[in-house]
Amino acid sequence: MSGDAILDLMSWVALAAGSVFCIIGAVGLIRMPDFYSRIHAGGIIDTMGAGLVLFGLVLHAGLTLVAVKLILLFLFSLIAGPTAVHALAKAAFHSGMKPLTGPGGKDRSN
């Protein structure tokens, strides 16, 4: 296998893995029982899903200006995504929304 074929294969693997993480996170957004679990699933989509897709696109673009822009976009999303999820969780907790902590997603305090 040539170097171009290996890079192309790595690009497709990263794109496929990123797509799988996006699908798993989207299912998690629908299936999770409470707000905190759902924003965790949203964070997975943002960090792992989009990160792997962008990494695959960087490998596919090669050493071009497009790759530099994709890397900058990846770095921005790597900082902004988890920060936004943390801010949402902190605001929800301070507003009085309690996480589900018991077995089966039931609140133990009741």
Protein backbone atom coordinates (compact mmCIF):
# COMPACT_ATOMS: atom_id res chain seq x y z
CA MET A 1 0.00 0.00 0.00
CA SER A 2 1.22 3.44 -0.84
CA GLY A 3 1.35 6.39 1.56
CA ASP A 4 -1.64 8.04 -0.11
CA ALA A 5 -3.74 4.91 0.26
CA ILE A 6 -2.86 4.64 3.96
CA LEU A 7 -3.78 8.30 4.56
CA ASP A 8 -7.02 7.80 2.65
CA LEU A 9 -7.86 4.72 4.73
CA MET A 10 -7.06 6.55 8.00
CA SER A 11 -9.24 9.45 6.86
CA TRP A 12 -12.20 7.16 6.17
CA VAL A 13 -11.75 5.35 9.50
CA ALA A 14 -11.76 8.67 11.39
CA LEU A 15 -14.81 9.88 9.47
CA ALA A 16 -16.67 6.63 10.16
CA ALA A 17 -15.73 6.64 13.86
CA GLY A 18 -16.82 10.28 14.19
CA SER A 19 -20.12 9.45 12.52
CA VAL A 20 -20.67 6.56 14.93
CA PHE A 21 -20.03 8.83 17.91
CA CYS A 22 -22.49 11.38 16.51
CA ILE A 23 -25.17 8.70 16.09
CA ILE A 24 -24.57 7.28 19.59
CA GLY A 25 -24.75 10.78 21.07
CA ALA A 26 -27.95 11.55 19.18
CA VAL A 27 -29.56 8.37 20.51
CA GLY A 28 -28.34 9.37 23.98
CA LEU A 29 -30.02 12.76 23.63
CA ILE A 30 -33.32 10.98 23.06
CA ARG A 31 -32.97 8.07 25.49
CA MET A 32 -31.30 9.55 28.58
CA PRO A 33 -33.60 10.16 31.57
CA ASP A 34 -32.51 13.58 32.85
CA PHE A 35 -30.98 16.87 31.80
CA TYR A 36 -27.47 16.10 33.03
CA SER A 37 -27.27 12.81 31.16
CA ARG A 38 -28.53 14.50 28.01
CA ILE A 39 -25.96 17.27 28.09
CA HIS A 40 -23.29 14.59 28.58
CA ALA A 41 -24.52 12.94 25.38
CA GLY A 42 -24.43 16.35 23.67
CA GLY A 43 -20.85 16.81 24.83
CA ILE A 44 -19.90 13.47 23.29
CA ILE A 45 -21.33 14.59 19.96
CA ASP A 46 -19.48 17.88 20.14
CA THR A 47 -16.10 16.62 21.33
CA MET A 48 -15.61 13.12 19.97
CA GLY A 49 -17.98 13.08 17.02
CA ALA A 50 -17.11 16.41 15.49
CA GLY A 51 -13.46 16.05 16.55
CA LEU A 52 -13.00 12.77 14.70
CA VAL A 53 -14.87 14.04 11.65
CA LEU A 54 -12.66 17.12 11.53
CA PHE A 55 -9.55 14.95 12.02
CA GLY A 56 -10.63 12.78 9.11
CA LEU A 57 -11.19 15.85 6.96
CA VAL A 58 -7.72 17.16 7.87
CA LEU A 59 -6.18 13.86 6.77
CA HIS A 60 -8.18 13.98 3.56
CA ALA A 61 -7.21 17.61 2.80
CA GLY A 62 -3.46 17.04 3.14
CA LEU A 63 -1.02 19.87 3.78
CA THR A 64 -3.11 22.79 2.55
CA LEU A 65 -4.63 25.98 3.90
CA VAL A 66 -7.92 24.09 4.24
CA ALA A 67 -6.23 21.72 6.73
CA VAL A 68 -4.99 24.66 8.79
CA LYS A 69 -8.51 26.09 8.94
CA LEU A 70 -9.92 22.70 9.94
CA ILE A 71 -7.34 22.38 12.72
CA LEU A 72 -8.27 25.84 14.02
CA LEU A 73 -11.94 24.87 13.91
CA PHE A 74 -11.13 21.66 15.82
CA LEU A 75 -9.21 23.58 18.50
CA PHE A 76 -12.06 26.06 18.90
CA SER A 77 -14.64 23.29 19.24
CA LEU A 78 -12.37 21.41 21.66
CA ILE A 79 -12.38 24.44 23.97
CA ALA A 80 -15.89 25.81 23.40
CA GLY A 81 -17.90 22.57 23.52
CA PRO A 82 -16.95 21.23 26.95
CA THR A 83 -16.98 24.76 28.38
CA ALA A 84 -20.54 25.30 27.19
CA VAL A 85 -21.68 21.92 28.57
CA HIS A 86 -20.07 22.74 31.93
CA ALA A 87 -21.73 26.16 32.02
CA LEU A 88 -25.14 24.60 31.25
CA ALA A 89 -24.72 22.00 34.00
CA LYS A 90 -23.56 24.55 36.55
CA ALA A 91 -26.46 26.90 35.73
CA ALA A 92 -28.97 24.06 35.98
CA PHE A 93 -27.56 22.91 39.33
CA HIS A 94 -27.58 26.43 40.77
CA SER A 95 -31.18 26.93 39.63
CA GLY A 96 -32.21 23.95 41.73
CA MET A 97 -32.32 21.11 39.20
CA LYS A 98 -31.06 17.97 40.96
CA PRO A 99 -29.53 15.03 39.08
CA LEU A 100 -31.09 11.58 39.23
CA THR A 101 -28.80 9.52 41.46
CA GLY A 102 -30.64 6.36 42.49
CA PRO A 103 -30.74 2.94 40.84
CA GLY A 104 -32.69 2.97 37.62
CA GLY A 105 -32.46 6.78 37.39
CA LYS A 106 -34.63 7.45 40.41
CA ASP A 107 -33.90 10.21 42.86
CA ARG A 108 -32.97 8.81 46.29
CA SER A 109 -34.02 11.92 48.20
CA ASN A 110 -37.75 11.29 47.63
